[in-house]
């Protein structure tokens, strides 16, 4: 969808590009699902741009993130694809982010 602007599921030709996918923070993100919790007034939800990876931070009090996520959404069926900008800039530390390498398929099999 990112390149052709055609939905691979329904072939519709109207695709929304979402530059920054919202990542919800605060009370809304980890709210309870009980009936009692639904009755309580909710705090205003805060949001920031969604990033794909949590990465090591220089400060223990802060959480560092990398990899801004964008979305492409079909206007007809709602099928969505997520893409991460600058994936090469996501640091690999072996704990929070691990690099996995697959084998290339043998073209003669």
PDB file of N, CA and C in Angstrom:
ATOM      1  N   UNK A   1       0.834  -1.194   0.000  1.00  0.00           N
ATOM      2  CA  UNK A   1       0.000   0.000   0.000  1.00  0.00           C
ATOM      3  C   UNK A   1       0.873   1.249   0.000  1.00  0.00           C
ATOM      4  N   UNK A   2       2.030   1.161   0.644  1.00  0.00           N
ATOM      5  CA  UNK A   2       2.885   2.334   0.750  1.00  0.00           C
ATOM      6  C   UNK A   2       3.338   2.819  -0.625  1.00  0.00           C
ATOM      7  N   UNK A   3       3.656   1.911  -1.511  1.00  0.00           N
ATOM      8  CA  UNK A   3       4.198   2.313  -2.804  1.00  0.00           C
ATOM      9  C   UNK A   3       3.143   2.442  -3.903  1.00  0.00           C
ATOM     10  N   UNK A   4       2.212   1.505  -3.963  1.00  0.00           N
ATOM     11  CA  UNK A   4       1.237   1.485  -5.061  1.00  0.00           C
ATOM     12  C   UNK A   4      -0.065   2.205  -4.745  1.00  0.00           C
ATOM     13  N   UNK A   5      -0.344   2.451  -3.454  1.00  0.00           N
ATOM     14  CA  UNK A   5      -1.581   3.103  -3.011  1.00  0.00           C
ATOM     15  C   UNK A   5      -2.820   2.319  -3.430  1.00  0.00           C
ATOM     16  N   UNK A   6      -2.676   0.996  -3.430  1.00  0.00           N
ATOM     17  CA  UNK A   6      -3.771   0.063  -3.721  1.00  0.00           C
ATOM     18  C   UNK A   6      -3.833  -0.933  -2.571  1.00  0.00           C
ATOM     19  N   UNK A   7      -5.019  -1.196  -2.054  1.00  0.00           N
ATOM     20  CA  UNK A   7      -5.171  -2.150  -0.970  1.00  0.00           C
ATOM     21  C   UNK A   7      -4.930  -3.572  -1.488  1.00  0.00           C
ATOM     22  N   UNK A   8      -4.031  -4.342  -0.864  1.00  0.00           N
ATOM     23  CA  UNK A   8      -3.783  -5.706  -1.320  1.00  0.00           C
ATOM     24  C   UNK A   8      -4.921  -6.673  -0.994  1.00  0.00           C
ATOM     25  N   UNK A   9      -5.834  -6.276  -0.125  1.00  0.00           N
ATOM     26  CA  UNK A   9      -6.948  -7.150   0.255  1.00  0.00           C
ATOM     27  C   UNK A   9      -8.169  -6.963  -0.641  1.00  0.00           C
ATOM     28  N   UNK A  10      -8.555  -5.684  -0.876  1.00  0.00           N
ATOM     29  CA  UNK A  10      -9.789  -5.439  -1.629  1.00  0.00           C
ATOM     30  C   UNK A  10      -9.567  -4.660  -2.931  1.00  0.00           C
ATOM     31  N   UNK A  11      -8.326  -4.306  -3.218  1.00  0.00           N
ATOM     32  CA  UNK A  11      -7.943  -3.589  -4.447  1.00  0.00           C
ATOM     33  C   UNK A  11      -8.480  -2.157  -4.532  1.00  0.00           C
ATOM     34  N   UNK A  12      -8.986  -1.616  -3.428  1.00  0.00           N
ATOM     35  CA  UNK A  12      -9.480  -0.230  -3.420  1.00  0.00           C
ATOM     36  C   UNK A  12      -8.293   0.721  -3.608  1.00  0.00           C
ATOM     37  N   UNK A  13      -8.548   1.866  -4.271  1.00  0.00           N
ATOM     38  CA  UNK A  13      -7.443   2.771  -4.590  1.00  0.00           C
ATOM     39  C   UNK A  13      -7.405   4.043  -3.740  1.00  0.00           C
ATOM     40  N   UNK A  14      -8.070   4.048  -2.594  1.00  0.00           N
ATOM     41  CA  UNK A  14      -7.963   5.183  -1.677  1.00  0.00           C
ATOM     42  C   UNK A  14      -7.330   4.700  -0.387  1.00  0.00           C
ATOM     43  N   UNK A  15      -6.138   5.222  -0.119  1.00  0.00           N
ATOM     44  CA  UNK A  15      -5.355   4.791   1.034  1.00  0.00           C
ATOM     45  C   UNK A  15      -4.987   6.013   1.860  1.00  0.00           C
ATOM     46  N   UNK A  16      -5.212   5.926   3.162  1.00  0.00           N
ATOM     47  CA  UNK A  16      -4.813   6.994   4.067  1.00  0.00           C
ATOM     48  C   UNK A  16      -3.377   6.762   4.512  1.00  0.00           C
ATOM     49  N   UNK A  17      -2.572   7.817   4.506  1.00  0.00           N
ATOM     50  CA  UNK A  17      -1.220   7.738   5.068  1.00  0.00           C
ATOM     51  C   UNK A  17      -1.247   8.453   6.411  1.00  0.00           C
ATOM     52  N   UNK A  18      -0.978   7.715   7.473  1.00  0.00           N
ATOM     53  CA  UNK A  18      -0.943   8.272   8.822  1.00  0.00           C
ATOM     54  C   UNK A  18       0.527   8.523   9.155  1.00  0.00           C
ATOM     55  N   UNK A  19       0.919   9.786   9.167  1.00  0.00           N
ATOM     56  CA  UNK A  19       2.325  10.168   9.371  1.00  0.00           C
ATOM     57  C   UNK A  19       2.836   9.765  10.754  1.00  0.00           C
ATOM     58  N   UNK A  20       2.006   9.942  11.781  1.00  0.00           N
ATOM     59  CA  UNK A  20       2.393   9.557  13.137  1.00  0.00           C
ATOM     60  C   UNK A  20       1.240   8.804  13.796  1.00  0.00           C
ATOM     61  N   UNK A  21       1.479   7.543  14.107  1.00  0.00           N
ATOM     62  CA  UNK A  21       0.484   6.730  14.802  1.00  0.00           C
ATOM     63  C   UNK A  21       0.534   7.106  16.277  1.00  0.00           C
ATOM     64  N   UNK A  22      -0.622   7.369  16.880  1.00  0.00           N
ATOM     65  CA  UNK A  22      -0.666   7.794  18.279  1.00  0.00           C
ATOM     66  C   UNK A  22      -0.407   6.624  19.215  1.00  0.00           C
ATOM     67  N   UNK A  23       0.415   6.867  20.218  1.00  0.00           N
ATOM     68  CA  UNK A  23       0.680   5.912  21.289  1.00  0.00           C
ATOM     69  C   UNK A  23       0.067   6.521  22.541  1.00  0.00           C
ATOM     70  N   UNK A  24      -0.923   5.857  23.111  1.00  0.00           N
ATOM     71  CA  UNK A  24      -1.659   6.410  24.247  1.00  0.00           C
ATOM     72  C   UNK A  24      -0.896   6.135  25.530  1.00  0.00           C
ATOM     73  N   UNK A  25      -0.839   7.140  26.387  1.00  0.00           N
ATOM     74  CA  UNK A  25      -0.143   7.046  27.670  1.00  0.00           C
ATOM     75  C   UNK A  25      -1.104   7.268  28.816  1.00  0.00           C
ATOM     76  N   UNK A  26      -0.634   6.999  30.011  1.00  0.00           N
ATOM     77  CA  UNK A  26      -1.384   7.362  31.205  1.00  0.00           C
ATOM     78  C   UNK A  26      -2.486   6.382  31.560  1.00  0.00           C
ATOM     79  N   UNK A  27      -3.493   6.874  32.242  1.00  0.00           N
ATOM     80  CA  UNK A  27      -4.575   6.061  32.785  1.00  0.00           C
ATOM     81  C   UNK A  27      -5.316   5.298  31.697  1.00  0.00           C
ATOM     82  N   UNK A  28      -5.479   5.889  30.545  1.00  0.00           N
ATOM     83  CA  UNK A  28      -6.227   5.248  29.461  1.00  0.00           C
ATOM     84  C   UNK A  28      -5.524   3.992  28.966  1.00  0.00           C
ATOM     85  N   UNK A  29      -4.202   4.008  28.913  1.00  0.00           N
ATOM     86  CA  UNK A  29      -3.447   2.886  28.358  1.00  0.00           C
ATOM     87  C   UNK A  29      -3.540   1.636  29.215  1.00  0.00           C
ATOM     88  N   UNK A  30      -3.542   1.783  30.533  1.00  0.00           N
ATOM     89  CA  UNK A  30      -3.572   0.594  31.376  1.00  0.00           C
ATOM     90  C   UNK A  30      -4.794   0.595  32.284  1.00  0.00           C
ATOM     91  N   UNK A  31      -5.903   1.012  31.731  1.00  0.00           N
ATOM     92  CA  UNK A  31      -7.134   1.110  32.516  1.00  0.00           C
ATOM     93  C   UNK A  31      -7.672  -0.277  32.869  1.00  0.00           C
ATOM     94  N   UNK A  32      -8.435  -0.324  33.922  1.00  0.00           N
ATOM     95  CA  UNK A  32      -9.082  -1.567  34.315  1.00  0.00           C
ATOM     96  C   UNK A  32     -10.298  -1.789  33.419  1.00  0.00           C
ATOM     97  N   UNK A  33     -10.720  -3.028  33.306  1.00  0.00           N
ATOM     98  CA  UNK A  33     -11.872  -3.322  32.457  1.00  0.00           C
ATOM     99  C   UNK A  33     -13.087  -3.750  33.266  1.00  0.00           C
ATOM    100  N   UNK A  34     -13.033  -3.585  34.558  1.00  0.00           N
ATOM    101  CA  UNK A  34     -14.162  -3.988  35.390  1.00  0.00           C
ATOM    102  C   UNK A  34     -15.288  -2.964  35.284  1.00  0.00           C
ATOM    103  N   UNK A  35     -16.485  -3.367  35.682  1.00  0.00           N
ATOM    104  CA  UNK A  35     -17.625  -2.446  35.657  1.00  0.00           C
ATOM    105  C   UNK A  35     -17.378  -1.248  36.564  1.00  0.00           C
ATOM    106  N   UNK A  36     -16.764  -1.481  37.708  1.00  0.00           N
ATOM    107  CA  UNK A  36     -16.493  -0.381  38.640  1.00  0.00           C
ATOM    108  C   UNK A  36     -15.541   0.634  37.997  1.00  0.00           C
ATOM    109  N   UNK A  37     -14.541   0.156  37.275  1.00  0.00           N
ATOM    110  CA  UNK A  37     -13.597   1.069  36.626  1.00  0.00           C
ATOM    111  C   UNK A  37     -14.295   1.868  35.525  1.00  0.00           C
ATOM    112  N   UNK A  38     -15.267   1.262  34.855  1.00  0.00           N
ATOM    113  CA  UNK A  38     -15.990   1.978  33.789  1.00  0.00           C
ATOM    114  C   UNK A  38     -16.838   3.107  34.348  1.00  0.00           C
ATOM    115  N   UNK A  39     -17.267   2.972  35.583  1.00  0.00           N
ATOM    116  CA  UNK A  39     -18.106   4.000  36.197  1.00  0.00           C
ATOM    117  C   UNK A  39     -17.306   5.218  36.629  1.00  0.00           C
ATOM    118  N   UNK A  40     -16.008   5.036  36.919  1.00  0.00           N
ATOM    119  CA  UNK A  40     -15.174   6.152  37.350  1.00  0.00           C
ATOM    120  C   UNK A  40     -14.892   7.089  36.182  1.00  0.00           C
ATOM    121  N   UNK A  41     -14.822   8.387  36.435  1.00  0.00           N
ATOM    122  CA  UNK A  41     -14.456   9.295  35.351  1.00  0.00           C
ATOM    123  C   UNK A  41     -13.019   9.032  34.912  1.00  0.00           C
ATOM    124  N   UNK A  42     -12.806   9.015  33.616  1.00  0.00           N
ATOM    125  CA  UNK A  42     -11.471   8.761  33.085  1.00  0.00           C
ATOM    126  C   UNK A  42     -10.663  10.044  33.043  1.00  0.00           C
ATOM    127  N   UNK A  43      -9.379   9.891  33.295  1.00  0.00           N
ATOM    128  CA  UNK A  43      -8.481  11.020  33.120  1.00  0.00           C
ATOM    129  C   UNK A  43      -8.301  11.242  31.622  1.00  0.00           C
ATOM    130  N   UNK A  44      -7.984  12.455  31.266  1.00  0.00           N
ATOM    131  CA  UNK A  44      -7.740  12.773  29.859  1.00  0.00           C
ATOM    132  C   UNK A  44      -6.546  11.960  29.364  1.00  0.00           C
ATOM    133  N   UNK A  45      -6.724  11.255  28.277  1.00  0.00           N
ATOM    134  CA  UNK A  45      -5.639  10.453  27.721  1.00  0.00           C
ATOM    135  C   UNK A  45      -4.624  11.358  27.033  1.00  0.00           C
ATOM    136  N   UNK A  46      -3.358  11.038  27.211  1.00  0.00           N
ATOM    137  CA  UNK A  46      -2.290  11.750  26.539  1.00  0.00           C
ATOM    138  C   UNK A  46      -1.754  10.848  25.451  1.00  0.00           C
ATOM    139  N   UNK A  47      -1.210  11.434  24.405  1.00  0.00           N
ATOM    140  CA  UNK A  47      -0.621  10.606  23.364  1.00  0.00           C
ATOM    141  C   UNK A  47       0.662  11.230  22.857  1.00  0.00           C
ATOM    142  N   UNK A  48       1.472  10.379  22.260  1.00  0.00           N
ATOM    143  CA  UNK A  48       2.701  10.809  21.595  1.00  0.00           C
ATOM    144  C   UNK A  48       2.862   9.918  20.377  1.00  0.00           C
ATOM    145  N   UNK A  49       3.836  10.212  19.551  1.00  0.00           N
ATOM    146  CA  UNK A  49       4.061   9.416  18.351  1.00  0.00           C
ATOM    147  C   UNK A  49       4.539   8.017  18.747  1.00  0.00           C
ATOM    148  N   UNK A  50       3.931   7.000  18.150  1.00  0.00           N
ATOM    149  CA  UNK A  50       4.258   5.605  18.432  1.00  0.00           C
ATOM    150  C   UNK A  50       5.614   5.255  17.835  1.00  0.00           C
ATOM    151  N   UNK A  51       6.447   4.654  18.644  1.00  0.00           N
ATOM    152  CA  UNK A  51       7.759   4.181  18.199  1.00  0.00           C
ATOM    153  C   UNK A  51       7.818   2.683  18.450  1.00  0.00           C
ATOM    154  N   UNK A  52       8.512   1.972  17.582  1.00  0.00           N
ATOM    155  CA  UNK A  52       8.486   0.517  17.578  1.00  0.00           C
ATOM    156  C   UNK A  52       9.365  -0.119  18.655  1.00  0.00           C
ATOM    157  N   UNK A  53      10.432   0.557  19.088  1.00  0.00           N
ATOM    158  CA  UNK A  53      11.384  -0.089  19.989  1.00  0.00           C
ATOM    159  C   UNK A  53      11.708   0.758  21.207  1.00  0.00           C
ATOM    160  N   UNK A  54      11.814   0.079  22.327  1.00  0.00           N
ATOM    161  CA  UNK A  54      12.390   0.697  23.520  1.00  0.00           C
ATOM    162  C   UNK A  54      13.867   0.349  23.489  1.00  0.00           C
ATOM    163  N   UNK A  55      14.724   1.335  23.677  1.00  0.00           N
ATOM    164  CA  UNK A  55      16.170   1.128  23.555  1.00  0.00           C
ATOM    165  C   UNK A  55      16.867   1.611  24.818  1.00  0.00           C
ATOM    166  N   UNK A  56      18.097   1.160  25.041  1.00  0.00           N
ATOM    167  CA  UNK A  56      18.830   1.595  26.234  1.00  0.00           C
ATOM    168  C   UNK A  56      18.940   3.116  26.291  1.00  0.00           C
ATOM    169  N   UNK A  57      18.808   3.649  27.488  1.00  0.00           N
ATOM    170  CA  UNK A  57      18.866   5.090  27.700  1.00  0.00           C
ATOM    171  C   UNK A  57      20.105   5.434  28.509  1.00  0.00           C
ATOM    172  N   UNK A  58      20.609   6.637  28.303  1.00  0.00           N
ATOM    173  CA  UNK A  58      21.756   7.094  29.084  1.00  0.00           C
ATOM    174  C   UNK A  58      21.330   7.465  30.501  1.00  0.00           C
ATOM    175  N   UNK A  59      20.057   7.739  30.697  1.00  0.00           N
ATOM    176  CA  UNK A  59      19.536   8.093  32.012  1.00  0.00           C
ATOM    177  C   UNK A  59      18.603   6.995  32.510  1.00  0.00           C
ATOM    178  N   UNK A  60      18.852   6.445  33.709  1.00  0.00           N
ATOM    179  CA  UNK A  60      17.974   5.385  34.216  1.00  0.00           C
ATOM    180  C   UNK A  60      16.549   5.857  34.495  1.00  0.00           C
ATOM    181  N   UNK A  61      16.348   7.165  34.639  1.00  0.00           N
ATOM    182  CA  UNK A  61      15.014   7.701  34.932  1.00  0.00           C
ATOM    183  C   UNK A  61      14.168   7.855  33.672  1.00  0.00           C
ATOM    184  N   UNK A  62      14.781   7.737  32.491  1.00  0.00           N
ATOM    185  CA  UNK A  62      14.056   7.947  31.241  1.00  0.00           C
ATOM    186  C   UNK A  62      14.029   6.674  30.410  1.00  0.00           C
ATOM    187  N   UNK A  63      13.025   6.571  29.566  1.00  0.00           N
ATOM    188  CA  UNK A  63      12.938   5.478  28.614  1.00  0.00           C
ATOM    189  C   UNK A  63      13.210   6.041  27.231  1.00  0.00           C
ATOM    190  N   UNK A  64      14.171   5.484  26.538  1.00  0.00           N
ATOM    191  CA  UNK A  64      14.480   5.933  25.189  1.00  0.00           C
ATOM    192  C   UNK A  64      13.745   5.044  24.187  1.00  0.00           C
ATOM    193  N   UNK A  65      13.344   5.623  23.061  1.00  0.00           N
ATOM    194  CA  UNK A  65      12.638   4.876  22.028  1.00  0.00           C
ATOM    195  C   UNK A  65      13.234   5.206  20.667  1.00  0.00           C
ATOM    196  N   UNK A  66      12.975   4.333  19.699  1.00  0.00           N
ATOM    197  CA  UNK A  66      13.469   4.543  18.337  1.00  0.00           C
ATOM    198  C   UNK A  66      12.491   3.916  17.352  1.00  0.00           C
ATOM    199  N   UNK A  67      12.515   4.391  16.130  1.00  0.00           N
ATOM    200  CA  UNK A  67      11.711   3.804  15.064  1.00  0.00           C
ATOM    201  C   UNK A  67      10.296   4.335  15.002  1.00  0.00           C
ATOM    202  N   UNK A  68      10.130   5.534  14.477  1.00  0.00           N
ATOM    203  CA  UNK A  68       8.806   6.140  14.326  1.00  0.00           C
ATOM    204  C   UNK A  68       7.937   5.275  13.415  1.00  0.00           C
ATOM    205  N   UNK A  69       6.719   4.988  13.861  1.00  0.00           N
ATOM    206  CA  UNK A  69       5.808   4.125  13.099  1.00  0.00           C
ATOM    207  C   UNK A  69       4.813   4.970  12.319  1.00  0.00           C
ATOM    208  N   UNK A  70       4.654   4.626  11.046  1.00  0.00           N
ATOM    209  CA  UNK A  70       3.650   5.240  10.181  1.00  0.00           C
ATOM    210  C   UNK A  70       2.682   4.148   9.753  1.00  0.00           C
ATOM    211  N   UNK A  71       1.498   4.547   9.349  1.00  0.00           N
ATOM    212  CA  UNK A  71       0.492   3.566   8.935  1.00  0.00           C
ATOM    213  C   UNK A  71      -0.108   3.950   7.585  1.00  0.00           C
ATOM    214  N   UNK A  72      -0.560   2.935   6.876  1.00  0.00           N
ATOM    215  CA  UNK A  72      -1.319   3.094   5.630  1.00  0.00           C
ATOM    216  C   UNK A  72      -2.609   2.303   5.831  1.00  0.00           C
ATOM    217  N   UNK A  73      -3.745   2.960   5.600  1.00  0.00           N
ATOM    218  CA  UNK A  73      -5.048   2.366   5.906  1.00  0.00           C
ATOM    219  C   UNK A  73      -5.957   2.469   4.687  1.00  0.00           C
ATOM    220  N   UNK A  74      -6.552   1.348   4.299  1.00  0.00           N
ATOM    221  CA  UNK A  74      -7.509   1.335   3.188  1.00  0.00           C
ATOM    222  C   UNK A  74      -8.792   2.024   3.630  1.00  0.00           C
ATOM    223  N   UNK A  75      -9.271   2.965   2.819  1.00  0.00           N
ATOM    224  CA  UNK A  75     -10.511   3.686   3.143  1.00  0.00           C
ATOM    225  C   UNK A  75     -11.737   2.793   3.012  1.00  0.00           C
ATOM    226  N   UNK A  76     -11.663   1.728   2.231  1.00  0.00           N
ATOM    227  CA  UNK A  76     -12.834   0.875   2.004  1.00  0.00           C
ATOM    228  C   UNK A  76     -12.976  -0.218   3.056  1.00  0.00           C
ATOM    229  N   UNK A  77     -11.913  -1.008   3.254  1.00  0.00           N
ATOM    230  CA  UNK A  77     -12.047  -2.172   4.145  1.00  0.00           C
ATOM    231  C   UNK A  77     -11.339  -2.001   5.481  1.00  0.00           C
ATOM    232  N   UNK A  78     -10.494  -0.992   5.614  1.00  0.00           N
ATOM    233  CA  UNK A  78      -9.813  -0.749   6.872  1.00  0.00           C
ATOM    234  C   UNK A  78      -8.524  -1.527   7.064  1.00  0.00           C
ATOM    235  N   UNK A  79      -8.147  -2.333   6.094  1.00  0.00           N
ATOM    236  CA  UNK A  79      -6.878  -3.057   6.209  1.00  0.00           C
ATOM    237  C   UNK A  79      -5.761  -2.046   6.435  1.00  0.00           C
ATOM    238  N   UNK A  80      -4.855  -2.363   7.368  1.00  0.00           N
ATOM    239  CA  UNK A  80      -3.792  -1.426   7.733  1.00  0.00           C
ATOM    240  C   UNK A  80      -2.432  -2.097   7.660  1.00  0.00           C
ATOM    241  N   UNK A  81      -1.443  -1.330   7.246  1.00  0.00           N
ATOM    242  CA  UNK A  81      -0.056  -1.772   7.259  1.00  0.00           C
ATOM    243  C   UNK A  81       0.757  -0.757   8.050  1.00  0.00           C
ATOM    244  N   UNK A  82       1.649  -1.246   8.893  1.00  0.00           N
ATOM    245  CA  UNK A  82       2.524  -0.383   9.662  1.00  0.00           C
ATOM    246  C   UNK A  82       3.935  -0.460   9.093  1.00  0.00           C
ATOM    247  N   UNK A  83       4.601   0.664   9.041  1.00  0.00           N
ATOM    248  CA  UNK A  83       5.977   0.744   8.578  1.00  0.00           C
ATOM    249  C   UNK A  83       6.772   1.575   9.570  1.00  0.00           C
ATOM    250  N   UNK A  84       8.017   1.186   9.786  1.00  0.00           N
ATOM    251  CA  UNK A  84       8.906   1.916  10.679  1.00  0.00           C
ATOM    252  C   UNK A  84       9.890   2.718   9.848  1.00  0.00           C
ATOM    253  N   UNK A  85       9.981   4.025  10.163  1.00  0.00           N
ATOM    254  CA  UNK A  85      10.930   4.863   9.447  1.00  0.00           C
ATOM    255  C   UNK A  85      12.330   4.656  10.023  1.00  0.00           C
ATOM    256  N   UNK A  86      13.326   4.688   9.178  1.00  0.00           N
ATOM    257  CA  UNK A  86      14.737   4.561   9.559  1.00  0.00           C
ATOM    258  C   UNK A  86      15.030   3.347  10.441  1.00  0.00           C
ATOM    259  N   UNK A  87      14.671   2.127  10.010  1.00  0.00           N
ATOM    260  CA  UNK A  87      14.938   0.958  10.853  1.00  0.00           C
ATOM    261  C   UNK A  87      16.429   0.733  11.102  1.00  0.00           C
ATOM    262  N   UNK A  88      17.284   1.199  10.210  1.00  0.00           N
ATOM    263  CA  UNK A  88      18.726   1.029  10.406  1.00  0.00           C
ATOM    264  C   UNK A  88      19.236   1.831  11.594  1.00  0.00           C
ATOM    265  N   UNK A  89      18.492   2.832  12.035  1.00  0.00           N
ATOM    266  CA  UNK A  89      18.910   3.662  13.161  1.00  0.00           C
ATOM    267  C   UNK A  89      18.477   3.102  14.517  1.00  0.00           C
ATOM    268  N   UNK A  90      17.772   1.974  14.525  1.00  0.00           N
ATOM    269  CA  UNK A  90      17.378   1.347  15.793  1.00  0.00           C
ATOM    270  C   UNK A  90      18.589   0.589  16.323  1.00  0.00           C
ATOM    271  N   UNK A  91      19.097   0.979  17.500  1.00  0.00           N
ATOM    272  CA  UNK A  91      20.293   0.316  18.015  1.00  0.00           C
ATOM    273  C   UNK A  91      19.998  -1.107  18.488  1.00  0.00           C
ATOM    274  N   UNK A  92      20.880  -2.020  18.125  1.00  0.00           N
ATOM    275  CA  UNK A  92      20.764  -3.420  18.531  1.00  0.00           C
ATOM    276  C   UNK A  92      21.638  -3.612  19.764  1.00  0.00           C
ATOM    277  N   UNK A  93      21.014  -3.990  20.897  1.00  0.00           N
ATOM    278  CA  UNK A  93      21.779  -4.189  22.121  1.00  0.00           C
ATOM    279  C   UNK A  93      21.776  -5.650  22.585  1.00  0.00           C
ATOM    280  N   UNK A  94      21.008  -6.496  21.912  1.00  0.00           N
ATOM    281  CA  UNK A  94      20.968  -7.907  22.277  1.00  0.00           C
ATOM    282  C   UNK A  94      20.006  -8.232  23.405  1.00  0.00           C
ATOM    283  N   UNK A  95      19.465  -7.225  24.065  1.00  0.00           N
ATOM    284  CA  UNK A  95      18.504  -7.446  25.145  1.00  0.00           C
ATOM    285  C   UNK A  95      17.138  -6.900  24.763  1.00  0.00           C
ATOM    286  N   UNK A  96      17.049  -5.590  24.578  1.00  0.00           N
ATOM    287  CA  UNK A  96      15.778  -4.979  24.190  1.00  0.00           C
ATOM    288  C   UNK A  96      15.521  -5.139  22.697  1.00  0.00           C
ATOM    289  N   UNK A  97      16.578  -5.104  21.910  1.00  0.00           N
ATOM    290  CA  UNK A  97      16.476  -5.270  20.454  1.00  0.00           C
ATOM    291  C   UNK A  97      17.520  -6.303  20.038  1.00  0.00           C
ATOM    292  N   UNK A  98      17.052  -7.370  19.404  1.00  0.00           N
ATOM    293  CA  UNK A  98      17.935  -8.445  18.958  1.00  0.00           C
ATOM    294  C   UNK A  98      17.853  -8.556  17.441  1.00  0.00           C
ATOM    295  N   UNK A  99      18.988  -8.699  16.790  1.00  0.00           N
ATOM    296  CA  UNK A  99      19.031  -8.866  15.343  1.00  0.00           C
ATOM    297  C   UNK A  99      18.975 -10.347  15.013  1.00  0.00           C
ATOM    298  N   UNK A 100      18.002 -10.744  14.213  1.00  0.00           N
ATOM    299  CA  UNK A 100      17.853 -12.126  13.761  1.00  0.00           C
ATOM    300  C   UNK A 100      18.162 -12.166  12.272  1.00  0.00           C
ATOM    301  N   UNK A 101      18.949 -13.134  11.852  1.00  0.00           N
ATOM    302  CA  UNK A 101      19.289 -13.256  10.435  1.00  0.00           C
ATOM    303  C   UNK A 101      18.809 -14.606   9.923  1.00  0.00           C
ATOM    304  N   UNK A 102      17.992 -14.566   8.882  1.00  0.00           N
ATOM    305  CA  UNK A 102      17.517 -15.792   8.258  1.00  0.00           C
ATOM    306  C   UNK A 102      18.413 -16.179   7.102  1.00  0.00           C
ATOM    307  N   UNK A 103      18.220 -17.378   6.650  1.00  0.00           N
ATOM    308  CA  UNK A 103      18.982 -17.841   5.484  1.00  0.00           C
ATOM    309  C   UNK A 103      18.227 -17.463   4.230  1.00  0.00           C
ATOM    310  N   UNK A 104      18.950 -17.089   3.223  1.00  0.00           N
ATOM    311  CA  UNK A 104      18.328 -16.816   1.928  1.00  0.00           C
ATOM    312  C   UNK A 104      17.866 -18.131   1.322  1.00  0.00           C
ATOM    313  N   UNK A 105      16.719 -18.106   0.694  1.00  0.00           N
ATOM    314  CA  UNK A 105      16.182 -19.305   0.064  1.00  0.00           C
ATOM    315  C   UNK A 105      17.037 -19.673  -1.145  1.00  0.00           C
ATOM    316  N   UNK A 106      17.245 -20.950  -1.325  1.00  0.00           N
ATOM    317  CA  UNK A 106      17.999 -21.455  -2.478  1.00  0.00           C
ATOM    318  C   UNK A 106      17.093 -21.337  -3.707  1.00  0.00           C
ATOM    319  N   UNK A 107      17.488 -20.574  -4.731  1.00  0.00           N
ATOM    320  CA  UNK A 107      16.602 -20.371  -5.893  1.00  0.00           C
ATOM    321  C   UNK A 107      16.401 -21.640  -6.724  1.00  0.00           C
ATOM    322  N   UNK A 108      17.215 -22.684  -6.486  1.00  0.00           N
ATOM    323  CA  UNK A 108      17.121 -23.901  -7.293  1.00  0.00           C
ATOM    324  C   UNK A 108      16.345 -25.008  -6.594  1.00  0.00           C
ATOM    325  N   UNK A 109      15.668 -24.709  -5.511  1.00  0.00           N
ATOM    326  CA  UNK A 109      14.911 -25.735  -4.796  1.00  0.00           C
ATOM    327  C   UNK A 109      13.474 -25.678  -5.180  1.00  0.00           C
TER     328      UNK A 109
END
